[in-house]
C-alpha atoms as a PDB file:
ATOM      1  CA  MET A   1     -19.439  21.429  -1.937  1.00  0.00           C
ATOM      2  CA  ASN A   2     -16.038  22.590  -3.175  1.00  0.00           C
ATOM      3  CA  LEU A   3     -13.311  21.243  -0.884  1.00  0.00           C
ATOM      4  CA  ASP A   4     -10.040  23.064  -0.361  1.00  0.00           C
ATOM      5  CA  ASP A   5      -6.846  21.406   0.860  1.00  0.00           C
ATOM      6  CA  LEU A   6      -7.710  21.821   4.539  1.00  0.00           C
ATOM      7  CA  ASP A   7     -11.190  20.351   4.006  1.00  0.00           C
ATOM      8  CA  ARG A   8      -9.675  17.307   2.287  1.00  0.00           C
ATOM      9  CA  ARG A   9      -7.047  16.777   4.992  1.00  0.00           C
ATOM     10  CA  LEU A  10      -9.684  17.188   7.672  1.00  0.00           C
ATOM     11  CA  LEU A  11     -12.023  14.702   5.986  1.00  0.00           C
ATOM     12  CA  ASP A  12      -9.205  12.132   5.818  1.00  0.00           C
ATOM     13  CA  ARG A  13      -8.208  12.750   9.421  1.00  0.00           C
ATOM     14  CA  ILE A  14     -11.617  12.481  11.057  1.00  0.00           C
ATOM     15  CA  GLN A  15     -12.393   9.204   9.279  1.00  0.00           C
ATOM     16  CA  ARG A  16      -9.228   7.615  10.614  1.00  0.00           C
ATOM     17  CA  ASP A  17      -9.436   8.143  14.361  1.00  0.00           C
ATOM     18  CA  PHE A  18     -11.265  11.099  15.791  1.00  0.00           C
ATOM     19  CA  PRO A  19      -9.490  12.527  18.880  1.00  0.00           C
ATOM     20  CA  ILE A  20     -10.767  11.209  22.199  1.00  0.00           C
ATOM     21  CA  GLU A  21      -9.949  14.406  24.068  1.00  0.00           C
ATOM     22  CA  PRO A  22     -12.181  16.858  25.959  1.00  0.00           C
ATOM     23  CA  ARG A  23     -11.708  19.396  23.130  1.00  0.00           C
ATOM     24  CA  PRO A  24     -11.207  17.229  20.016  1.00  0.00           C
ATOM     25  CA  PHE A  25     -11.529  20.074  17.516  1.00  0.00           C
ATOM     26  CA  GLU A  26      -8.739  21.921  19.292  1.00  0.00           C
ATOM     27  CA  THR A  27      -6.573  18.792  18.932  1.00  0.00           C
ATOM     28  CA  LEU A  28      -7.403  18.580  15.222  1.00  0.00           C
ATOM     29  CA  ALA A  29      -6.601  22.259  14.801  1.00  0.00           C
ATOM     30  CA  ARG A  30      -3.132  21.807  16.306  1.00  0.00           C
ATOM     31  CA  GLU A  31      -2.422  18.836  14.035  1.00  0.00           C
ATOM     32  CA  LEU A  32      -3.614  20.632  10.906  1.00  0.00           C
ATOM     33  CA  ASP A  33      -2.112  24.029  11.756  1.00  0.00           C
ATOM     34  CA  ALA A  34      -5.512  25.697  11.904  1.00  0.00           C
ATOM     35  CA  GLU A  35      -7.832  27.392  14.397  1.00  0.00           C
ATOM     36  CA  GLU A  36     -10.285  25.429  16.545  1.00  0.00           C
ATOM     37  CA  ALA A  37     -13.272  27.547  15.495  1.00  0.00           C
ATOM     38  CA  ASP A  38     -12.411  27.099  11.806  1.00  0.00           C
ATOM     39  CA  VAL A  39     -12.021  23.322  12.141  1.00  0.00           C
ATOM     40  CA  LEU A  40     -15.342  23.037  13.974  1.00  0.00           C
ATOM     41  CA  ALA A  41     -17.080  25.187  11.358  1.00  0.00           C
ATOM     42  CA  ARG A  42     -15.639  23.081   8.548  1.00  0.00           C
ATOM     43  CA  VAL A  43     -16.763  19.799  10.114  1.00  0.00           C
ATOM     44  CA  ARG A  44     -20.257  21.270  10.539  1.00  0.00           C
ATOM     45  CA  ALA A  45     -20.202  22.312   6.876  1.00  0.00           C
ATOM     46  CA  LEU A  46     -19.101  18.817   5.772  1.00  0.00           C
ATOM     47  CA  HIS A  47     -22.002  17.379   7.774  1.00  0.00           C
ATOM     48  CA  ASP A  48     -24.551  19.909   6.491  1.00  0.00           C
ATOM     49  CA  ALA A  49     -23.427  19.255   2.893  1.00  0.00           C
ATOM     50  CA  GLY A  50     -24.068  15.537   3.371  1.00  0.00           C
ATOM     51  CA  LEU A  51     -20.463  14.383   3.064  1.00  0.00           C
ATOM     52  CA  VAL A  52     -20.238  13.273   6.712  1.00  0.00           C
ATOM     53  CA  ARG A  53     -23.105  11.166   8.031  1.00  0.00           C
ATOM     54  CA  GLN A  54     -22.046  11.273  11.673  1.00  0.00           C
ATOM     55  CA  ILE A  55     -19.046  10.895  13.941  1.00  0.00           C
ATOM     56  CA  GLY A  56     -18.945   8.127  16.524  1.00  0.00           C
ATOM     57  CA  PRO A  57     -17.867   4.603  17.419  1.00  0.00           C
ATOM     58  CA  VAL A  58     -18.116   1.377  15.465  1.00  0.00           C
ATOM     59  CA  PHE A  59     -18.710  -1.320  18.073  1.00  0.00           C
ATOM     60  CA  ASP A  60     -17.790  -4.984  17.731  1.00  0.00           C
ATOM     61  CA  LEU A  61     -21.386  -6.194  17.818  1.00  0.00           C
ATOM     62  CA  HIS A  62     -20.468  -9.800  18.619  1.00  0.00           C
ATOM     63  CA  ARG A  63     -18.634  -8.736  21.774  1.00  0.00           C
ATOM     64  CA  LEU A  64     -21.776  -6.907  22.849  1.00  0.00           C
ATOM     65  CA  GLY A  65     -23.699 -10.171  22.567  1.00  0.00           C
ATOM     66  CA  TYR A  66     -25.387  -9.408  19.246  1.00  0.00           C
ATOM     67  CA  THR A  67     -25.477 -11.487  16.075  1.00  0.00           C
ATOM     68  CA  SER A  68     -25.808 -10.545  12.426  1.00  0.00           C
ATOM     69  CA  THR A  69     -26.321 -11.872   8.942  1.00  0.00           C
ATOM     70  CA  LEU A  70     -26.291 -10.636   5.354  1.00  0.00           C
ATOM     71  CA  CYS A  71     -29.497 -11.416   3.492  1.00  0.00           C
ATOM     72  CA  ALA A  72     -30.143 -11.656  -0.241  1.00  0.00           C
ATOM     73  CA  ALA A  73     -33.710 -11.410  -1.517  1.00  0.00           C
ATOM     74  CA  LYS A  74     -35.120 -12.171  -4.954  1.00  0.00           C
ATOM     75  CA  ILE A  75     -37.878  -9.618  -5.511  1.00  0.00           C
ATOM     76  CA  ALA A  76     -40.067  -8.882  -8.517  1.00  0.00           C
ATOM     77  CA  PRO A  77     -39.161  -5.447  -9.976  1.00  0.00           C
ATOM     78  CA  GLU A  78     -42.661  -4.073  -9.455  1.00  0.00           C
ATOM     79  CA  ALA A  79     -42.584  -5.097  -5.764  1.00  0.00           C
ATOM     80  CA  VAL A  80     -39.185  -3.565  -4.879  1.00  0.00           C
ATOM     81  CA  ASP A  81     -40.445  -0.336  -3.316  1.00  0.00           C
ATOM     82  CA  THR A  82     -43.165  -2.029  -1.243  1.00  0.00           C
ATOM     83  CA  ALA A  83     -40.795  -4.781  -0.093  1.00  0.00           C
ATOM     84  CA  ALA A  84     -38.075  -2.251   0.773  1.00  0.00           C
ATOM     85  CA  ALA A  85     -40.512  -0.265   2.920  1.00  0.00           C
ATOM     86  CA  ARG A  86     -41.532  -3.422   4.819  1.00  0.00           C
ATOM     87  CA  ILE A  87     -37.944  -4.602   5.274  1.00  0.00           C
ATOM     88  CA  ASN A  88     -36.562  -1.197   6.246  1.00  0.00           C
ATOM     89  CA  ALA A  89     -39.250  -0.798   8.909  1.00  0.00           C
ATOM     90  CA  TYR A  90     -37.373  -3.284  11.077  1.00  0.00           C
ATOM     91  CA  PRO A  91     -34.892  -1.399  13.289  1.00  0.00           C
ATOM     92  CA  GLU A  92     -32.701  -4.505  13.130  1.00  0.00           C
ATOM     93  CA  VAL A  93     -32.136  -3.825   9.405  1.00  0.00           C
ATOM     94  CA  THR A  94     -29.119  -1.512   9.264  1.00  0.00           C
ATOM     95  CA  HIS A  95     -28.171  -1.528   5.558  1.00  0.00           C
ATOM     96  CA  ASN A  96     -30.202  -2.259   2.466  1.00  0.00           C
ATOM     97  CA  TYR A  97     -29.058  -1.975  -1.153  1.00  0.00           C
ATOM     98  CA  LEU A  98     -30.543  -2.746  -4.525  1.00  0.00           C
ATOM     99  CA  ARG A  99     -28.012  -4.559  -6.726  1.00  0.00           C
ATOM    100  CA  ASP A 100     -28.030  -5.559 -10.385  1.00  0.00           C
ATOM    101  CA  ALA A 101     -28.447  -9.305  -9.912  1.00  0.00           C
ATOM    102  CA  GLN A 102     -31.085 -12.031  -9.735  1.00  0.00           C
ATOM    103  CA  PHE A 103     -30.937 -11.673  -5.960  1.00  0.00           C
ATOM    104  CA  ASN A 104     -31.492  -7.960  -6.215  1.00  0.00           C
ATOM    105  CA  MET A 105     -32.048  -6.740  -2.642  1.00  0.00           C
ATOM    106  CA  TRP A 106     -29.273  -7.139  -0.076  1.00  0.00           C
ATOM    107  CA  PHE A 107     -29.792  -6.173   3.540  1.00  0.00           C
ATOM    108  CA  THR A 108     -28.027  -6.638   6.861  1.00  0.00           C
ATOM    109  CA  LEU A 109     -29.745  -7.784  10.053  1.00  0.00           C
ATOM    110  CA  VAL A 110     -28.283  -7.099  13.512  1.00  0.00           C
ATOM    111  CA  ALA A 111     -30.208  -8.504  16.488  1.00  0.00           C
ATOM    112  CA  PRO A 112     -29.687  -9.604  20.119  1.00  0.00           C
ATOM    113  CA  SER A 113     -30.178 -13.285  19.233  1.00  0.00           C
ATOM    114  CA  GLN A 114     -30.365 -15.750  16.375  1.00  0.00           C
ATOM    115  CA  ASN A 115     -33.980 -16.430  17.352  1.00  0.00           C
ATOM    116  CA  ARG A 116     -34.857 -12.797  16.654  1.00  0.00           C
ATOM    117  CA  ILE A 117     -33.137 -12.947  13.251  1.00  0.00           C
ATOM    118  CA  ASP A 118     -35.062 -16.134  12.431  1.00  0.00           C
ATOM    119  CA  GLU A 119     -38.351 -14.459  13.429  1.00  0.00           C
ATOM    120  CA  ILE A 120     -37.690 -11.449  11.200  1.00  0.00           C
ATOM    121  CA  LEU A 121     -36.702 -13.600   8.223  1.00  0.00           C
ATOM    122  CA  LYS A 122     -39.858 -15.700   8.643  1.00  0.00           C
ATOM    123  CA  GLU A 123     -41.973 -12.537   8.528  1.00  0.00           C
ATOM    124  CA  ILE A 124     -40.085 -11.067   5.557  1.00  0.00           C
ATOM    125  CA  ARG A 125     -40.471 -14.278   3.553  1.00  0.00           C
ATOM    126  CA  ARG A 126     -44.259 -13.794   3.778  1.00  0.00           C
ATOM    127  CA  VAL A 127     -44.139 -10.338   2.164  1.00  0.00           C
ATOM    128  CA  GLY A 128     -45.773 -10.242  -1.255  1.00  0.00           C
ATOM    129  CA  GLY A 129     -43.436 -10.062  -4.225  1.00  0.00           C
ATOM    130  CA  ILE A 130     -40.507 -11.684  -2.403  1.00  0.00           C
ATOM    131  CA  ASP A 131     -39.703 -14.979  -4.094  1.00  0.00           C
ATOM    132  CA  GLU A 132     -36.748 -16.096  -1.987  1.00  0.00           C
ATOM    133  CA  VAL A 133     -34.534 -14.850   0.865  1.00  0.00           C
ATOM    134  CA  LEU A 134     -31.081 -16.228   1.653  1.00  0.00           C
ATOM    135  CA  SER A 135     -29.329 -15.776   5.002  1.00  0.00           C
ATOM    136  CA  LEU A 136     -25.546 -15.644   4.559  1.00  0.00           C
ATOM    137  CA  PRO A 137     -23.882 -15.183   7.960  1.00  0.00           C
ATOM    138  CA  ALA A 138     -20.186 -14.348   8.108  1.00  0.00           C
ATOM    139  CA  GLU A 139     -17.817 -17.102   9.203  1.00  0.00           C
ATOM    140  CA  ASN A 140     -14.400 -15.420   9.049  1.00  0.00           C
ATOM    141  CA  THR A 141     -13.379 -11.784   8.826  1.00  0.00           C
ATOM    142  CA  PHE A 142     -10.345 -10.749   6.833  1.00  0.00           C
ATOM    143  CA  LYS A 143     -10.956  -7.024   6.812  1.00  0.00           C
ATOM    144  CA  ILE A 144     -13.421  -4.392   7.961  1.00  0.00           C
ATOM    145  CA  ASN A 145     -12.386  -0.874   7.120  1.00  0.00           C
ATOM    146  CA  VAL A 146     -14.055   2.032   5.422  1.00  0.00           C
ATOM    147  CA  HIS A 147     -11.837   5.047   4.816  1.00  0.00           C
ATOM    148  CA  PHE A 148     -12.203   7.071   1.651  1.00  0.00           C
ATOM    149  CA  ARG A 149      -9.207   9.225   0.848  1.00  0.00           C
ATOM    150  CA  LYS A 150      -9.584  12.788  -0.380  1.00  0.00           C
ATOM    151  CA  THR A 151      -5.857  13.533  -0.382  1.00  0.00           C
ATOM    152  CA  GLY A 152      -3.049  11.695  -2.176  1.00  0.00           C
ATOM    153  CA  THR A 153      -4.176   8.630  -4.105  1.00  0.00           C
ATOM    154  CA  ALA A 154      -7.738   8.149  -5.287  1.00  0.00           C
ATOM    155  CA  THR A 155      -8.296   4.836  -3.544  1.00  0.00           C
ATOM    156  CA  PRO A 156      -9.604   4.026  -0.077  1.00  0.00           C
ATOM    157  CA  PHE A 157      -6.961   3.032   2.453  1.00  0.00           C
ATOM    158  CA  SER A 158      -7.023   1.589   5.939  1.00  0.00           C
ATOM    159  CA  SER A 159      -5.556   2.474   9.278  1.00  0.00           C
ATOM    160  CA  SER A 160      -4.749   0.492  12.397  1.00  0.00           C
ATOM    161  CA  LYS A 161      -7.972   1.643  14.069  1.00  0.00           C
ATOM    162  CA  GLY A 162     -10.010   0.552  11.056  1.00  0.00           C
ATOM    163  CA  VAL A 163      -9.349  -3.170  11.018  1.00  0.00           C
ATOM    164  CA  ALA A 164     -11.340  -5.637  13.034  1.00  0.00           C
ATOM    165  CA  VAL A 165      -8.450  -7.729  14.328  1.00  0.00           C
ATOM    166  CA  PRO A 166      -4.647  -7.499  14.791  1.00  0.00           C
ATOM    167  CA  ALA A 167      -3.026  -6.189  11.608  1.00  0.00           C
ATOM    168  CA  PHE A 168       0.188  -6.707   9.651  1.00  0.00           C
ATOM    169  CA  ARG A 169       1.764  -4.287   7.200  1.00  0.00           C
ATOM    170  CA  ASN A 170       2.055  -5.369   3.609  1.00  0.00           C
ATOM    171  CA  ARG A 171       5.252  -3.623   2.513  1.00  0.00           C
ATOM    172  CA  ASP A 172       4.359  -3.803  -1.167  1.00  0.00           C
ATOM    173  CA  SER A 173       1.128  -1.874  -0.833  1.00  0.00           C
ATOM    174  CA  HIS A 174       1.824   0.026   2.406  1.00  0.00           C
ATOM    175  CA  HIS A 175      -1.551  -1.183   3.469  1.00  0.00           C
ATOM    176  CA  LEU A 176      -2.754  -2.627   6.751  1.00  0.00           C
ATOM    177  CA  PHE A 177      -4.739  -5.808   6.540  1.00  0.00           C
ATOM    178  CA  SER A 178      -6.092  -8.226   9.110  1.00  0.00           C
ATOM    179  CA  ARG A 179      -5.602 -11.824  10.089  1.00  0.00           C
ATOM    180  CA  THR A 180      -8.545 -14.098   9.582  1.00  0.00           C
ATOM    181  CA  ARG A 181     -10.834 -14.336  12.592  1.00  0.00           C
ATOM    182  CA  GLN A 182     -13.699 -16.697  13.253  1.00  0.00           C
ATOM    183  CA  ILE A 183     -16.806 -14.634  13.942  1.00  0.00           C
ATOM    184  CA  ASN A 184     -18.245 -16.977  16.539  1.00  0.00           C
ATOM    185  CA  GLY A 185     -15.034 -18.492  17.810  1.00  0.00           C
ATOM    186  CA  ASP A 186     -12.568 -16.162  19.510  1.00  0.00           C
ATOM    187  CA  CYS A 187     -14.662 -13.138  20.434  1.00  0.00           C
ATOM    188  CA  PRO A 188     -16.448 -13.743  23.760  1.00  0.00           C
ATOM    189  CA  HIS A 189     -19.452 -11.656  24.728  1.00  0.00           C
ATOM    190  CA  LEU A 190     -18.778  -8.901  27.239  1.00  0.00           C
ATOM    191  CA  ASP A 191     -21.195 -10.012  29.939  1.00  0.00           C
ATOM    192  CA  HIS A 192     -19.568  -7.811  32.597  1.00  0.00           C
ATOM    193  CA  LEU A 193     -20.899  -4.501  31.297  1.00  0.00           C
ATOM    194  CA  ASP A 194     -22.604  -2.642  34.127  1.00  0.00           C
ATOM    195  CA  ASP A 195     -25.486  -0.175  33.982  1.00  0.00           C
ATOM    196  CA  ARG A 196     -23.148   2.802  33.597  1.00  0.00           C
ATOM    197  CA  ASP A 197     -21.363   1.100  30.698  1.00  0.00           C
ATOM    198  CA  ILE A 198     -24.670   0.476  28.965  1.00  0.00           C
ATOM    199  CA  ALA A 199     -25.752   4.081  29.556  1.00  0.00           C
ATOM    200  CA  VAL A 200     -22.513   5.256  27.924  1.00  0.00           C
ATOM    201  CA  ILE A 201     -22.983   2.892  24.946  1.00  0.00           C
ATOM    202  CA  ARG A 202     -26.517   4.211  24.455  1.00  0.00           C
ATOM    203  CA  ALA A 203     -25.291   7.815  24.529  1.00  0.00           C
ATOM    204  CA  LEU A 204     -22.440   7.086  22.110  1.00  0.00           C
ATOM    205  CA  GLN A 205     -24.899   5.813  19.522  1.00  0.00           C
ATOM    206  CA  ASP A 206     -26.205   9.362  19.090  1.00  0.00           C
ATOM    207  CA  PRO A 207     -24.258  11.467  16.574  1.00  0.00           C
ATOM    208  CA  LEU A 208     -21.347  13.259  18.190  1.00  0.00           C
ATOM    209  CA  PRO A 209     -22.512  16.829  18.926  1.00  0.00           C
ATOM    210  CA  LEU A 210     -20.563  19.294  16.799  1.00  0.00           C
ATOM    211  CA  VAL A 211     -19.624  21.579  19.686  1.00  0.00           C
ATOM    212  CA  GLU A 212     -16.342  22.448  21.401  1.00  0.00           C
ATOM    213  CA  ARG A 213     -16.794  19.832  24.165  1.00  0.00           C
ATOM    214  CA  PRO A 214     -18.909  17.083  22.566  1.00  0.00           C
ATOM    215  CA  TYR A 215     -18.022  14.397  25.106  1.00  0.00           C
ATOM    216  CA  ALA A 216     -19.289  16.565  27.952  1.00  0.00           C
ATOM    217  CA  GLU A 217     -22.691  16.730  26.252  1.00  0.00           C
ATOM    218  CA  LEU A 218     -22.780  12.945  25.713  1.00  0.00           C
ATOM    219  CA  ALA A 219     -21.624  12.372  29.295  1.00  0.00           C
ATOM    220  CA  GLU A 220     -24.544  14.420  30.576  1.00  0.00           C
ATOM    221  CA  ARG A 221     -26.957  12.207  28.623  1.00  0.00           C
ATOM    222  CA  ALA A 222     -25.341   9.099  30.145  1.00  0.00           C
ATOM    223  CA  ALA A 223     -25.287  10.597  33.677  1.00  0.00           C
ATOM    224  CA  VAL A 224     -21.508  10.188  33.969  1.00  0.00           C
ATOM    225  CA  THR A 225     -18.663  12.699  34.062  1.00  0.00           C
ATOM    226  CA  GLU A 226     -16.834  13.810  30.950  1.00  0.00           C
ATOM    227  CA  ASP A 227     -13.620  12.210  32.243  1.00  0.00           C
ATOM    228  CA  GLU A 228     -15.457   8.942  32.873  1.00  0.00           C
ATOM    229  CA  LEU A 229     -16.905   8.838  29.368  1.00  0.00           C
ATOM    230  CA  VAL A 230     -13.572   9.667  27.717  1.00  0.00           C
ATOM    231  CA  ALA A 231     -11.810   6.995  29.801  1.00  0.00           C
ATOM    232  CA  ARG A 232     -14.359   4.368  28.765  1.00  0.00           C
ATOM    233  CA  ILE A 233     -14.004   5.178  25.065  1.00  0.00           C
ATOM    234  CA  ARG A 234     -10.207   4.929  25.283  1.00  0.00           C
ATOM    235  CA  ALA A 235     -10.373   1.636  27.181  1.00  0.00           C
ATOM    236  CA  TRP A 236     -12.869   0.155  24.743  1.00  0.00           C
ATOM    237  CA  LEU A 237     -10.722   1.187  21.787  1.00  0.00           C
ATOM    238  CA  ASP A 238      -7.723  -0.519  23.409  1.00  0.00           C
ATOM    239  CA  SER A 239      -9.712  -3.690  24.109  1.00  0.00           C
ATOM    240  CA  GLY A 240     -11.343  -3.830  20.652  1.00  0.00           C
ATOM    241  CA  LEU A 241     -14.897  -3.423  21.914  1.00  0.00           C
ATOM    242  CA  ILE A 242     -14.864  -0.251  19.799  1.00  0.00           C
ATOM    243  CA  ARG A 243     -13.252  -1.057  16.458  1.00  0.00           C
ATOM    244  CA  ARG A 244     -12.970   2.541  15.325  1.00  0.00           C
ATOM    245  CA  PHE A 245     -14.073   5.976  16.457  1.00  0.00           C
ATOM    246  CA  GLY A 246     -14.392   8.348  13.546  1.00  0.00           C
ATOM    247  CA  ALA A 247     -16.513   9.874  10.821  1.00  0.00           C
ATOM    248  CA  ARG A 248     -18.808   7.851   8.601  1.00  0.00           C
ATOM    249  CA  VAL A 249     -18.922   9.488   5.193  1.00  0.00           C
ATOM    250  CA  LYS A 250     -21.285   9.245   2.239  1.00  0.00           C
ATOM    251  CA  HIS A 251     -18.874   7.688  -0.206  1.00  0.00           C
ATOM    252  CA  ARG A 252     -20.910   8.566  -3.287  1.00  0.00           C
ATOM    253  CA  ALA A 253     -20.964  12.210  -2.232  1.00  0.00           C
ATOM    254  CA  ILE A 254     -17.160  12.357  -2.104  1.00  0.00           C
ATOM    255  CA  GLY A 255     -16.640  10.722  -5.474  1.00  0.00           C
ATOM    256  CA  TYR A 256     -16.678   6.942  -4.905  1.00  0.00           C
ATOM    257  CA  THR A 257     -19.725   6.245  -7.046  1.00  0.00           C
ATOM    258  CA  ALA A 258     -18.801   2.724  -8.206  1.00  0.00           C
ATOM    259  CA  ASN A 259     -19.350   0.197  -5.439  1.00  0.00           C
ATOM    260  CA  GLY A 260     -19.307  -3.473  -6.274  1.00  0.00           C
ATOM    261  CA  MET A 261     -19.722  -6.496  -4.048  1.00  0.00           C
ATOM    262  CA  SER A 262     -17.576  -9.246  -5.512  1.00  0.00           C
ATOM    263  CA  VAL A 263     -18.506 -12.821  -4.582  1.00  0.00           C
ATOM    264  CA  TRP A 264     -16.195 -15.783  -5.164  1.00  0.00           C
ATOM    265  CA  ASP A 265     -16.489 -19.556  -5.124  1.00  0.00           C
ATOM    266  CA  VAL A 266     -13.231 -20.581  -3.426  1.00  0.00           C
ATOM    267  CA  ALA A 267     -12.111 -24.023  -2.284  1.00  0.00           C
ATOM    268  CA  PRO A 268     -11.943 -24.325   1.525  1.00  0.00           C
ATOM    269  CA  ASP A 269      -8.183 -24.897   1.543  1.00  0.00           C
ATOM    270  CA  GLN A 270      -7.634 -21.697  -0.465  1.00  0.00           C
ATOM    271  CA  THR A 271      -9.909 -19.262   1.376  1.00  0.00           C
ATOM    272  CA  GLU A 272      -7.334 -17.990   3.873  1.00  0.00           C
ATOM    273  CA  ALA A 273      -4.744 -17.130   1.205  1.00  0.00           C
ATOM    274  CA  ALA A 274      -7.416 -15.629  -1.047  1.00  0.00           C
ATOM    275  CA  GLY A 275      -8.981 -13.623   1.757  1.00  0.00           C
ATOM    276  CA  ASN A 276      -5.652 -12.235   2.908  1.00  0.00           C
ATOM    277  CA  TYR A 277      -4.771 -11.204  -0.635  1.00  0.00           C
ATOM    278  CA  MET A 278      -8.103  -9.446  -1.181  1.00  0.00           C
ATOM    279  CA  ALA A 279      -7.797  -7.725   2.187  1.00  0.00           C
ATOM    280  CA  SER A 280      -4.390  -6.352   1.163  1.00  0.00           C
ATOM    281  CA  LEU A 281      -5.919  -4.387  -1.717  1.00  0.00           C
ATOM    282  CA  PRO A 282      -6.666  -0.742  -0.853  1.00  0.00           C
ATOM    283  CA  GLN A 283      -9.804  -0.801  -3.023  1.00  0.00           C
ATOM    284  CA  VAL A 284     -11.338  -3.472  -0.743  1.00  0.00           C
ATOM    285  CA  SER A 285     -13.116  -2.189   2.364  1.00  0.00           C
ATOM    286  CA  HIS A 286     -14.726  -5.427   3.624  1.00  0.00           C
ATOM    287  CA  CYS A 287     -13.702  -9.044   3.137  1.00  0.00           C
ATOM    288  CA  TYR A 288     -15.431 -12.080   4.696  1.00  0.00           C
ATOM    289  CA  THR A 289     -16.118 -15.727   4.190  1.00  0.00           C
ATOM    290  CA  ARG A 290     -19.833 -16.471   4.419  1.00  0.00           C
ATOM    291  CA  THR A 291     -21.985 -19.574   4.541  1.00  0.00           C
ATOM    292  CA  ARG A 292     -22.898 -20.928   1.096  1.00  0.00           C
ATOM    293  CA  ALA A 293     -26.536 -21.408   0.142  1.00  0.00           C
ATOM    294  CA  GLU A 294     -27.982 -24.264  -1.891  1.00  0.00           C
ATOM    295  CA  ASN A 295     -28.443 -22.102  -4.990  1.00  0.00           C
ATOM    296  CA  TRP A 296     -25.730 -19.575  -4.154  1.00  0.00           C
ATOM    297  CA  PRO A 297     -22.281 -21.239  -4.238  1.00  0.00           C
ATOM    298  CA  TYR A 298     -20.186 -18.212  -3.277  1.00  0.00           C
ATOM    299  CA  ASN A 299     -18.329 -18.180   0.028  1.00  0.00           C
ATOM    300  CA  LEU A 300     -15.818 -15.295  -0.156  1.00  0.00           C
ATOM    301  CA  TYR A 301     -16.994 -11.682  -0.380  1.00  0.00           C
ATOM    302  CA  ALA A 302     -14.975  -8.531  -1.050  1.00  0.00           C
ATOM    303  CA  MET A 303     -16.519  -5.068  -1.242  1.00  0.00           C
ATOM    304  CA  ILE A 304     -14.682  -2.955  -3.826  1.00  0.00           C
ATOM    305  CA  HIS A 305     -14.932   0.847  -4.068  1.00  0.00           C
ATOM    306  CA  ALA A 306     -13.749   3.084  -6.902  1.00  0.00           C
ATOM    307  CA  GLN A 307     -14.661   6.223  -8.772  1.00  0.00           C
ATOM    308  CA  LYS A 308     -15.605   4.336 -11.960  1.00  0.00           C
ATOM    309  CA  GLU A 309     -17.093   0.910 -12.644  1.00  0.00           C
ATOM    310  CA  GLU A 310     -14.182   0.152 -14.971  1.00  0.00           C
ATOM    311  CA  GLU A 311     -11.801   0.452 -12.014  1.00  0.00           C
ATOM    312  CA  VAL A 312     -13.877  -2.027 -10.000  1.00  0.00           C
ATOM    313  CA  LEU A 313     -13.848  -4.483 -12.910  1.00  0.00           C
ATOM    314  CA  GLU A 314     -10.077  -4.105 -13.250  1.00  0.00           C
ATOM    315  CA  THR A 315      -9.692  -5.038  -9.578  1.00  0.00           C
ATOM    316  CA  VAL A 316     -11.922  -8.099 -10.062  1.00  0.00           C
ATOM    317  CA  GLN A 317      -9.839  -9.183 -13.051  1.00  0.00           C
ATOM    318  CA  GLN A 318      -6.652  -8.676 -11.055  1.00  0.00           C
ATOM    319  CA  ILE A 319      -7.967 -10.862  -8.224  1.00  0.00           C
ATOM    320  CA  ALA A 320      -9.194 -13.588 -10.593  1.00  0.00           C
ATOM    321  CA  ALA A 321      -5.860 -13.731 -12.433  1.00  0.00           C
ATOM    322  CA  ARG A 322      -3.772 -13.697  -9.258  1.00  0.00           C
ATOM    323  CA  LEU A 323      -5.805 -16.381  -7.476  1.00  0.00           C
ATOM    324  CA  ASN A 324      -6.930 -18.392 -10.527  1.00  0.00           C
ATOM    325  CA  ILE A 325     -10.599 -18.257  -9.520  1.00  0.00           C
ATOM    326  CA  SER A 326     -13.059 -18.806 -12.364  1.00  0.00           C
ATOM    327  CA  ASN A 327     -16.446 -18.700 -10.619  1.00  0.00           C
ATOM    328  CA  SER A 328     -17.289 -15.219  -9.387  1.00  0.00           C
ATOM    329  CA  LYS A 329     -19.783 -12.385  -9.776  1.00  0.00           C
ATOM    330  CA  ILE A 330     -19.631  -8.631  -9.298  1.00  0.00           C
ATOM    331  CA  LEU A 331     -22.838  -7.037  -7.986  1.00  0.00           C
ATOM    332  CA  PHE A 332     -22.951  -3.255  -8.362  1.00  0.00           C
ATOM    333  CA  SER A 333     -25.055  -1.150  -6.026  1.00  0.00           C
ATOM    334  CA  THR A 334     -27.776   0.673  -7.939  1.00  0.00           C
ATOM    335  CA  ARG A 335     -29.758   2.205  -5.043  1.00  0.00           C
ATOM    336  CA  GLU A 336     -29.091   2.771  -1.378  1.00  0.00           C
ATOM    337  CA  LEU A 337     -32.359   1.873   0.336  1.00  0.00           C
ATOM    338  CA  LYS A 338     -31.217   2.212   3.948  1.00  0.00           C
ATOM    339  CA  LYS A 339     -27.987   2.877   5.791  1.00  0.00           C
ATOM    340  CA  SER A 340     -27.890   3.282   9.547  1.00  0.00           C
ATOM    341  CA  ALA A 341     -25.806   2.249  12.530  1.00  0.00           C
ATOM    342  CA  PRO A 342     -26.966  -0.665  14.710  1.00  0.00           C
ATOM    343  CA  LYS A 343     -28.803   0.289  17.906  1.00  0.00           C
ATOM    344  CA  PHE A 344     -27.634  -1.670  20.944  1.00  0.00           C
ATOM    345  CA  PHE A 345     -29.433  -2.122  24.265  1.00  0.00           C
END
């Protein structure tokens, strides 16, 4: 799909924070000096062309009472397709990538309890062709933000709605990055959600309808009024229950074809400084500390996106030189096996 200037500005805008207004495409049209019908048609075209996966909220899963972990599996090459089909069949598996490493399949599990995650991992470890599976839960979050620019510079950048926790501006890079946060420490579960709240959350997990009044259609599914649904979304954005409300894009389709997960072996007393530095880089979309495994010594992870592998490697070299870290790996994604949003309740 050939994008003109308005398409590119629109793609940037709807990733950042989609308007929570009864007629969001009218709001976008005013901001972009366009017509509502044209904006709506363009968003539909971006979706139909595969550039936009869907528009909707990114919930803080821990505040909803869910837990998650990143898993690394060592799988014989001839068993990859069969193993991927078995693993992807679990609805709790949201992302799954093949990477060029000894642990070659990396997938994310999101479940209502640790017991459920343990059950799934026990079953997966019995699948033929899988030699080993590591569970690497996150401990601290430095950054969660996925926003791929199509205007201005050719690097991803973040916005205040895209970070997981309170942000500070780095004046050197003009980039928002987040304080470290303990995953299981300062984020209590929201046990006061009522039945109407849960109905709204279920409805919001469907793709936003690409119509003039999309929230009215979702409100009907949740058996609430449009005003009620809009008010809940705004309140949840303010409270952090919803981290971001915007478009999820297919980054490869818009030019970011080099995606490397960098893993670093960092001393405990250096992880906060290292994590904050990595989070300040616009090429980094995710940055966490994770539990080490017996045969996997890495504890700091930074996902790096670029248009060429050479650019990813340059970022890795920059980080290593700045932080004086010698033990690291870069794992490039070679196949996307599954990518979906978690399903809650």
